[in-house]
Amino acid sequence: MSNDRGLQDAHVKIGTKQTMRAVELGRAEEVYVAEDADPRLTSKIIALCNQHGVKLTYVDTMHNLGIACGIEVGAAMAAIVKR
């Protein structure tokens, strides 16, 4: 993932519940989904993003997404939210 610094500098919601809520409330500008995350979780957010017209970007691993977000653990998904 080449935009590591950008995710750390942006206003980000990390994790399944926070990301889903941001999309449902219309606050998400872009959602990042880890390709190695549980498909039962990712299929829901992918459908929700398509329904709400939110840009979806895939990241190769949960570990790399966590690092890009500035946390020391993996993340299945994260959303950049409007301020």
PDB file of N, CA and C in Angstrom:
ATOM      1  N   MET A   1       0.853  -1.178   0.000  1.00  0.00           N
ATOM      2  CA  MET A   1       0.000   0.000   0.000  1.00  0.00           C
ATOM      3  C   MET A   1       0.894   1.234   0.000  1.00  0.00           C
ATOM      4  N   SER A   2       0.725   2.056  -0.984  1.00  0.00           N
ATOM      5  CA  SER A   2       1.650   3.169  -1.152  1.00  0.00           C
ATOM      6  C   SER A   2       1.221   4.438  -0.427  1.00  0.00           C
ATOM      7  N   ASN A   3      -0.029   4.527   0.004  1.00  0.00           N
ATOM      8  CA  ASN A   3      -0.545   5.755   0.596  1.00  0.00           C
ATOM      9  C   ASN A   3      -0.544   5.689   2.126  1.00  0.00           C
ATOM     10  N   ASP A   4       0.448   5.057   2.717  1.00  0.00           N
ATOM     11  CA  ASP A   4       0.482   4.841   4.167  1.00  0.00           C
ATOM     12  C   ASP A   4       0.346   6.140   4.947  1.00  0.00           C
ATOM     13  N   ARG A   5       1.092   7.144   4.568  1.00  0.00           N
ATOM     14  CA  ARG A   5       1.090   8.406   5.295  1.00  0.00           C
ATOM     15  C   ARG A   5      -0.288   9.078   5.222  1.00  0.00           C
ATOM     16  N   GLY A   6      -0.926   8.977   4.063  1.00  0.00           N
ATOM     17  CA  GLY A   6      -2.227   9.604   3.869  1.00  0.00           C
ATOM     18  C   GLY A   6      -3.290   9.068   4.808  1.00  0.00           C
ATOM     19  N   LEU A   7      -3.301   7.771   5.052  1.00  0.00           N
ATOM     20  CA  LEU A   7      -4.289   7.197   5.964  1.00  0.00           C
ATOM     21  C   LEU A   7      -4.040   7.647   7.394  1.00  0.00           C
ATOM     22  N   GLN A   8      -2.790   7.771   7.776  1.00  0.00           N
ATOM     23  CA  GLN A   8      -2.486   8.206   9.140  1.00  0.00           C
ATOM     24  C   GLN A   8      -2.858   9.673   9.335  1.00  0.00           C
ATOM     25  N   ASP A   9      -2.763  10.468   8.287  1.00  0.00           N
ATOM     26  CA  ASP A   9      -3.061  11.894   8.386  1.00  0.00           C
ATOM     27  C   ASP A   9      -4.555  12.196   8.255  1.00  0.00           C
ATOM     28  N   ALA A  10      -5.298  11.306   7.608  1.00  0.00           N
ATOM     29  CA  ALA A  10      -6.725  11.529   7.383  1.00  0.00           C
ATOM     30  C   ALA A  10      -7.528  11.183   8.639  1.00  0.00           C
ATOM     31  N   HIS A  11      -8.781  11.604   8.656  1.00  0.00           N
ATOM     32  CA  HIS A  11      -9.690  11.236   9.747  1.00  0.00           C
ATOM     33  C   HIS A  11     -10.258   9.865   9.400  1.00  0.00           C
ATOM     34  N   VAL A  12      -9.822   8.839  10.144  1.00  0.00           N
ATOM     35  CA  VAL A  12     -10.119   7.455   9.793  1.00  0.00           C
ATOM     36  C   VAL A  12     -10.903   6.761  10.901  1.00  0.00           C
ATOM     37  N   LYS A  13     -11.866   5.955  10.486  1.00  0.00           N
ATOM     38  CA  LYS A  13     -12.569   5.046  11.393  1.00  0.00           C
ATOM     39  C   LYS A  13     -12.053   3.661  11.075  1.00  0.00           C
ATOM     40  N   ILE A  14     -11.580   2.951  12.101  1.00  0.00           N
ATOM     41  CA  ILE A  14     -10.959   1.650  11.899  1.00  0.00           C
ATOM     42  C   ILE A  14     -11.834   0.563  12.516  1.00  0.00           C
ATOM     43  N   GLY A  15     -11.986  -0.535  11.807  1.00  0.00           N
ATOM     44  CA  GLY A  15     -12.733  -1.673  12.322  1.00  0.00           C
ATOM     45  C   GLY A  15     -14.095  -1.810  11.665  1.00  0.00           C
ATOM     46  N   THR A  16     -14.665  -2.988  11.819  1.00  0.00           N
ATOM     47  CA  THR A  16     -15.912  -3.316  11.145  1.00  0.00           C
ATOM     48  C   THR A  16     -17.076  -2.437  11.581  1.00  0.00           C
ATOM     49  N   LYS A  17     -17.321  -2.335  12.880  1.00  0.00           N
ATOM     50  CA  LYS A  17     -18.479  -1.586  13.365  1.00  0.00           C
ATOM     51  C   LYS A  17     -18.393  -0.109  12.996  1.00  0.00           C
ATOM     52  N   GLN A  18     -17.237   0.497  13.216  1.00  0.00           N
ATOM     53  CA  GLN A  18     -17.085   1.929  12.935  1.00  0.00           C
ATOM     54  C   GLN A  18     -17.169   2.222  11.437  1.00  0.00           C
ATOM     55  N   THR A  19     -16.595   1.329  10.624  1.00  0.00           N
ATOM     56  CA  THR A  19     -16.633   1.516   9.177  1.00  0.00           C
ATOM     57  C   THR A  19     -18.059   1.382   8.654  1.00  0.00           C
ATOM     58  N   MET A  20     -18.769   0.347   9.108  1.00  0.00           N
ATOM     59  CA  MET A  20     -20.159   0.141   8.676  1.00  0.00           C
ATOM     60  C   MET A  20     -21.008   1.355   9.052  1.00  0.00           C
ATOM     61  N   ARG A  21     -20.826   1.843  10.254  1.00  0.00           N
ATOM     62  CA  ARG A  21     -21.617   2.990  10.723  1.00  0.00           C
ATOM     63  C   ARG A  21     -21.321   4.241   9.882  1.00  0.00           C
ATOM     64  N   ALA A  22     -20.057   4.466   9.566  1.00  0.00           N
ATOM     65  CA  ALA A  22     -19.681   5.635   8.766  1.00  0.00           C
ATOM     66  C   ALA A  22     -20.327   5.578   7.384  1.00  0.00           C
ATOM     67  N   VAL A  23     -20.365   4.399   6.784  1.00  0.00           N
ATOM     68  CA  VAL A  23     -20.987   4.253   5.466  1.00  0.00           C
ATOM     69  C   VAL A  23     -22.493   4.447   5.573  1.00  0.00           C
ATOM     70  N   GLU A  24     -23.108   3.823   6.568  1.00  0.00           N
ATOM     71  CA  GLU A  24     -24.563   3.928   6.744  1.00  0.00           C
ATOM     72  C   GLU A  24     -25.007   5.375   6.972  1.00  0.00           C
ATOM     73  N   LEU A  25     -24.187   6.148   7.689  1.00  0.00           N
ATOM     74  CA  LEU A  25     -24.524   7.538   7.984  1.00  0.00           C
ATOM     75  C   LEU A  25     -24.144   8.502   6.853  1.00  0.00           C
ATOM     76  N   GLY A  26     -23.534   7.963   5.792  1.00  0.00           N
ATOM     77  CA  GLY A  26     -23.139   8.799   4.667  1.00  0.00           C
ATOM     78  C   GLY A  26     -21.911   9.636   4.932  1.00  0.00           C
ATOM     79  N   ARG A  27     -21.104   9.252   5.901  1.00  0.00           N
ATOM     80  CA  ARG A  27     -19.915  10.040   6.254  1.00  0.00           C
ATOM     81  C   ARG A  27     -18.638   9.507   5.612  1.00  0.00           C
ATOM     82  N   ALA A  28     -18.670   8.297   5.060  1.00  0.00           N
ATOM     83  CA  ALA A  28     -17.463   7.684   4.498  1.00  0.00           C
ATOM     84  C   ALA A  28     -17.194   8.197   3.089  1.00  0.00           C
ATOM     85  N   GLU A  29     -15.956   8.614   2.848  1.00  0.00           N
ATOM     86  CA  GLU A  29     -15.539   9.035   1.511  1.00  0.00           C
ATOM     87  C   GLU A  29     -14.938   7.856   0.754  1.00  0.00           C
ATOM     88  N   GLU A  30     -14.177   7.026   1.468  1.00  0.00           N
ATOM     89  CA  GLU A  30     -13.514   5.879   0.861  1.00  0.00           C
ATOM     90  C   GLU A  30     -13.344   4.800   1.923  1.00  0.00           C
ATOM     91  N   VAL A  31     -13.500   3.553   1.505  1.00  0.00           N
ATOM     92  CA  VAL A  31     -13.356   2.425   2.426  1.00  0.00           C
ATOM     93  C   VAL A  31     -12.234   1.531   1.932  1.00  0.00           C
ATOM     94  N   TYR A  32     -11.374   1.123   2.849  1.00  0.00           N
ATOM     95  CA  TYR A  32     -10.289   0.188   2.564  1.00  0.00           C
ATOM     96  C   TYR A  32     -10.644  -1.157   3.179  1.00  0.00           C
ATOM     97  N   VAL A  33     -10.506  -2.232   2.387  1.00  0.00           N
ATOM     98  CA  VAL A  33     -10.843  -3.573   2.852  1.00  0.00           C
ATOM     99  C   VAL A  33      -9.630  -4.480   2.645  1.00  0.00           C
ATOM    100  N   ALA A  34      -9.275  -5.243   3.686  1.00  0.00           N
ATOM    101  CA  ALA A  34      -8.166  -6.187   3.586  1.00  0.00           C
ATOM    102  C   ALA A  34      -8.637  -7.439   2.854  1.00  0.00           C
ATOM    103  N   GLU A  35      -7.880  -7.864   1.857  1.00  0.00           N
ATOM    104  CA  GLU A  35      -8.258  -9.031   1.058  1.00  0.00           C
ATOM    105  C   GLU A  35      -8.231 -10.330   1.858  1.00  0.00           C
ATOM    106  N   ASP A  36      -7.439 -10.384   2.934  1.00  0.00           N
ATOM    107  CA  ASP A  36      -7.357 -11.623   3.716  1.00  0.00           C
ATOM    108  C   ASP A  36      -8.312 -11.619   4.918  1.00  0.00           C
ATOM    109  N   ALA A  37      -9.208 -10.637   4.997  1.00  0.00           N
ATOM    110  CA  ALA A  37     -10.182 -10.575   6.091  1.00  0.00           C
ATOM    111  C   ALA A  37     -11.305 -11.581   5.841  1.00  0.00           C
ATOM    112  N   ASP A  38     -12.044 -11.887   6.889  1.00  0.00           N
ATOM    113  CA  ASP A  38     -13.149 -12.839   6.826  1.00  0.00           C
ATOM    114  C   ASP A  38     -14.191 -12.384   5.800  1.00  0.00           C
ATOM    115  N   PRO A  39     -14.481 -13.200   4.803  1.00  0.00           N
ATOM    116  CA  PRO A  39     -15.459 -12.829   3.765  1.00  0.00           C
ATOM    117  C   PRO A  39     -16.858 -12.547   4.319  1.00  0.00           C
ATOM    118  N   ARG A  40     -17.193 -13.118   5.465  1.00  0.00           N
ATOM    119  CA  ARG A  40     -18.505 -12.839   6.062  1.00  0.00           C
ATOM    120  C   ARG A  40     -18.610 -11.379   6.477  1.00  0.00           C
ATOM    121  N   LEU A  41     -17.483 -10.764   6.836  1.00  0.00           N
ATOM    122  CA  LEU A  41     -17.464  -9.344   7.193  1.00  0.00           C
ATOM    123  C   LEU A  41     -17.329  -8.464   5.956  1.00  0.00           C
ATOM    124  N   THR A  42     -16.400  -8.830   5.101  1.00  0.00           N
ATOM    125  CA  THR A  42     -16.107  -7.972   3.953  1.00  0.00           C
ATOM    126  C   THR A  42     -17.247  -7.947   2.942  1.00  0.00           C
ATOM    127  N   SER A  43     -17.978  -9.035   2.797  1.00  0.00           N
ATOM    128  CA  SER A  43     -19.080  -9.041   1.823  1.00  0.00           C
ATOM    129  C   SER A  43     -20.146  -8.023   2.214  1.00  0.00           C
ATOM    130  N   LYS A  44     -20.367  -7.843   3.512  1.00  0.00           N
ATOM    131  CA  LYS A  44     -21.372  -6.881   3.979  1.00  0.00           C
ATOM    132  C   LYS A  44     -20.950  -5.445   3.671  1.00  0.00           C
ATOM    133  N   ILE A  45     -19.688  -5.120   3.935  1.00  0.00           N
ATOM    134  CA  ILE A  45     -19.238  -3.747   3.699  1.00  0.00           C
ATOM    135  C   ILE A  45     -19.135  -3.459   2.206  1.00  0.00           C
ATOM    136  N   ILE A  46     -18.755  -4.453   1.417  1.00  0.00           N
ATOM    137  CA  ILE A  46     -18.676  -4.265  -0.036  1.00  0.00           C
ATOM    138  C   ILE A  46     -20.069  -3.953  -0.595  1.00  0.00           C
ATOM    139  N   ALA A  47     -21.073  -4.712  -0.164  1.00  0.00           N
ATOM    140  CA  ALA A  47     -22.445  -4.469  -0.615  1.00  0.00           C
ATOM    141  C   ALA A  47     -22.934  -3.091  -0.170  1.00  0.00           C
ATOM    142  N   LEU A  48     -22.609  -2.727   1.065  1.00  0.00           N
ATOM    143  CA  LEU A  48     -23.036  -1.431   1.604  1.00  0.00           C
ATOM    144  C   LEU A  48     -22.376  -0.278   0.846  1.00  0.00           C
ATOM    145  N   CYS A  49     -21.096  -0.416   0.526  1.00  0.00           N
ATOM    146  CA  CYS A  49     -20.387   0.620  -0.240  1.00  0.00           C
ATOM    147  C   CYS A  49     -20.991   0.762  -1.633  1.00  0.00           C
ATOM    148  N   ASN A  50     -21.306  -0.362  -2.276  1.00  0.00           N
ATOM    149  CA  ASN A  50     -21.920  -0.314  -3.603  1.00  0.00           C
ATOM    150  C   ASN A  50     -23.288   0.361  -3.536  1.00  0.00           C
ATOM    151  N   GLN A  51     -24.035   0.075  -2.504  1.00  0.00           N
ATOM    152  CA  GLN A  51     -25.375   0.645  -2.323  1.00  0.00           C
ATOM    153  C   GLN A  51     -25.310   2.161  -2.115  1.00  0.00           C
ATOM    154  N   HIS A  52     -24.303   2.625  -1.367  1.00  0.00           N
ATOM    155  CA  HIS A  52     -24.180   4.043  -1.031  1.00  0.00           C
ATOM    156  C   HIS A  52     -23.234   4.807  -1.959  1.00  0.00           C
ATOM    157  N   GLY A  53     -22.636   4.128  -2.924  1.00  0.00           N
ATOM    158  CA  GLY A  53     -21.738   4.782  -3.868  1.00  0.00           C
ATOM    159  C   GLY A  53     -20.424   5.236  -3.257  1.00  0.00           C
ATOM    160  N   VAL A  54     -19.909   4.474  -2.304  1.00  0.00           N
ATOM    161  CA  VAL A  54     -18.646   4.809  -1.640  1.00  0.00           C
ATOM    162  C   VAL A  54     -17.496   4.088  -2.350  1.00  0.00           C
ATOM    163  N   LYS A  55     -16.413   4.812  -2.614  1.00  0.00           N
ATOM    164  CA  LYS A  55     -15.241   4.224  -3.269  1.00  0.00           C
ATOM    165  C   LYS A  55     -14.652   3.132  -2.386  1.00  0.00           C
ATOM    166  N   LEU A  56     -14.307   2.005  -3.002  1.00  0.00           N
ATOM    167  CA  LEU A  56     -13.779   0.849  -2.290  1.00  0.00           C
ATOM    168  C   LEU A  56     -12.375   0.549  -2.792  1.00  0.00           C
ATOM    169  N   THR A  57     -11.429   0.404  -1.869  1.00  0.00           N
ATOM    170  CA  THR A  57     -10.048   0.098  -2.225  1.00  0.00           C
ATOM    171  C   THR A  57      -9.619  -1.140  -1.455  1.00  0.00           C
ATOM    172  N   TYR A  58      -8.970  -2.083  -2.154  1.00  0.00           N
ATOM    173  CA  TYR A  58      -8.514  -3.313  -1.510  1.00  0.00           C
ATOM    174  C   TYR A  58      -7.049  -3.199  -1.122  1.00  0.00           C
ATOM    175  N   VAL A  59      -6.744  -3.750   0.054  1.00  0.00           N
ATOM    176  CA  VAL A  59      -5.375  -3.806   0.574  1.00  0.00           C
ATOM    177  C   VAL A  59      -5.042  -5.289   0.717  1.00  0.00           C
ATOM    178  N   ASP A  60      -3.782  -5.665   0.441  1.00  0.00           N
ATOM    179  CA  ASP A  60      -3.451  -7.083   0.400  1.00  0.00           C
ATOM    180  C   ASP A  60      -3.644  -7.829   1.726  1.00  0.00           C
ATOM    181  N   THR A  61      -3.262  -7.232   2.857  1.00  0.00           N
ATOM    182  CA  THR A  61      -3.400  -7.944   4.135  1.00  0.00           C
ATOM    183  C   THR A  61      -3.938  -7.033   5.234  1.00  0.00           C
ATOM    184  N   MET A  62      -4.518  -7.674   6.243  1.00  0.00           N
ATOM    185  CA  MET A  62      -5.002  -6.940   7.413  1.00  0.00           C
ATOM    186  C   MET A  62      -3.833  -6.256   8.119  1.00  0.00           C
ATOM    187  N   HIS A  63      -2.706  -6.924   8.164  1.00  0.00           N
ATOM    188  CA  HIS A  63      -1.513  -6.365   8.808  1.00  0.00           C
ATOM    189  C   HIS A  63      -1.104  -5.052   8.137  1.00  0.00           C
ATOM    190  N   ASN A  64      -1.046  -5.065   6.809  1.00  0.00           N
ATOM    191  CA  ASN A  64      -0.651  -3.850   6.078  1.00  0.00           C
ATOM    192  C   ASN A  64      -1.665  -2.729   6.248  1.00  0.00           C
ATOM    193  N   LEU A  65      -2.941  -3.061   6.317  1.00  0.00           N
ATOM    194  CA  LEU A  65      -3.964  -2.037   6.531  1.00  0.00           C
ATOM    195  C   LEU A  65      -3.818  -1.437   7.930  1.00  0.00           C
ATOM    196  N   GLY A  66      -3.543  -2.277   8.919  1.00  0.00           N
ATOM    197  CA  GLY A  66      -3.319  -1.773  10.274  1.00  0.00           C
ATOM    198  C   GLY A  66      -2.140  -0.816  10.336  1.00  0.00           C
ATOM    199  N   ILE A  67      -1.048  -1.189   9.687  1.00  0.00           N
ATOM    200  CA  ILE A  67       0.143  -0.329   9.647  1.00  0.00           C
ATOM    201  C   ILE A  67      -0.188   0.997   8.964  1.00  0.00           C
ATOM    202  N   ALA A  68      -0.916   0.933   7.849  1.00  0.00           N
ATOM    203  CA  ALA A  68      -1.280   2.154   7.117  1.00  0.00           C
ATOM    204  C   ALA A  68      -2.137   3.082   7.973  1.00  0.00           C
ATOM    205  N   CYS A  69      -2.921   2.492   8.880  1.00  0.00           N
ATOM    206  CA  CYS A  69      -3.782   3.286   9.761  1.00  0.00           C
ATOM    207  C   CYS A  69      -3.053   3.754  11.017  1.00  0.00           C
ATOM    208  N   GLY A  70      -1.815   3.300  11.191  1.00  0.00           N
ATOM    209  CA  GLY A  70      -1.032   3.735  12.341  1.00  0.00           C
ATOM    210  C   GLY A  70      -1.307   2.940  13.606  1.00  0.00           C
ATOM    211  N   ILE A  71      -1.820   1.709  13.457  1.00  0.00           N
ATOM    212  CA  ILE A  71      -2.041   0.866  14.631  1.00  0.00           C
ATOM    213  C   ILE A  71      -1.136  -0.358  14.539  1.00  0.00           C
ATOM    214  N   GLU A  72      -0.914  -0.994  15.670  1.00  0.00           N
ATOM    215  CA  GLU A  72       0.037  -2.107  15.719  1.00  0.00           C
ATOM    216  C   GLU A  72      -0.609  -3.468  15.495  1.00  0.00           C
ATOM    217  N   VAL A  73      -1.911  -3.505  15.264  1.00  0.00           N
ATOM    218  CA  VAL A  73      -2.613  -4.754  14.997  1.00  0.00           C
ATOM    219  C   VAL A  73      -3.261  -4.674  13.620  1.00  0.00           C
ATOM    220  N   GLY A  74      -3.693  -5.806  13.104  1.00  0.00           N
ATOM    221  CA  GLY A  74      -4.346  -5.834  11.800  1.00  0.00           C
ATOM    222  C   GLY A  74      -5.721  -5.220  11.855  1.00  0.00           C
ATOM    223  N   ALA A  75      -6.205  -4.802  10.693  1.00  0.00           N
ATOM    224  CA  ALA A  75      -7.556  -4.238  10.577  1.00  0.00           C
ATOM    225  C   ALA A  75      -8.215  -4.834   9.336  1.00  0.00           C
ATOM    226  N   ALA A  76      -9.465  -5.282   9.494  1.00  0.00           N
ATOM    227  CA  ALA A  76     -10.185  -5.851   8.357  1.00  0.00           C
ATOM    228  C   ALA A  76     -10.633  -4.761   7.401  1.00  0.00           C
ATOM    229  N   MET A  77     -10.993  -3.602   7.957  1.00  0.00           N
ATOM    230  CA  MET A  77     -11.456  -2.497   7.122  1.00  0.00           C
ATOM    231  C   MET A  77     -11.280  -1.173   7.842  1.00  0.00           C
ATOM    232  N   ALA A  78     -11.272  -0.125   7.057  1.00  0.00           N
ATOM    233  CA  ALA A  78     -11.158   1.236   7.607  1.00  0.00           C
ATOM    234  C   ALA A  78     -11.825   2.191   6.629  1.00  0.00           C
ATOM    235  N   ALA A  79     -12.320   3.297   7.138  1.00  0.00           N
ATOM    236  CA  ALA A  79     -12.981   4.291   6.293  1.00  0.00           C
ATOM    237  C   ALA A  79     -12.387   5.666   6.525  1.00  0.00           C
ATOM    238  N   ILE A  80     -12.163   6.400   5.452  1.00  0.00           N
ATOM    239  CA  ILE A  80     -11.824   7.807   5.559  1.00  0.00           C
ATOM    240  C   ILE A  80     -13.155   8.554   5.607  1.00  0.00           C
ATOM    241  N   VAL A  81     -13.342   9.346   6.642  1.00  0.00           N
ATOM    242  CA  VAL A  81     -14.625  10.028   6.829  1.00  0.00           C
ATOM    243  C   VAL A  81     -14.507  11.528   6.561  1.00  0.00           C
ATOM    244  N   LYS A  82     -15.637  12.088   6.142  1.00  0.00           N
ATOM    245  CA  LYS A  82     -15.710  13.518   5.893  1.00  0.00           C
ATOM    246  C   LYS A  82     -15.656  14.246   7.225  1.00  0.00           C
ATOM    247  N   ARG A  83     -15.013  15.372   7.244  1.00  0.00           N
ATOM    248  CA  ARG A  83     -14.919  16.155   8.483  1.00  0.00           C
ATOM    249  C   ARG A  83     -16.082  17.086   8.625  1.00  0.00           C
TER     250      ARG A  83
END
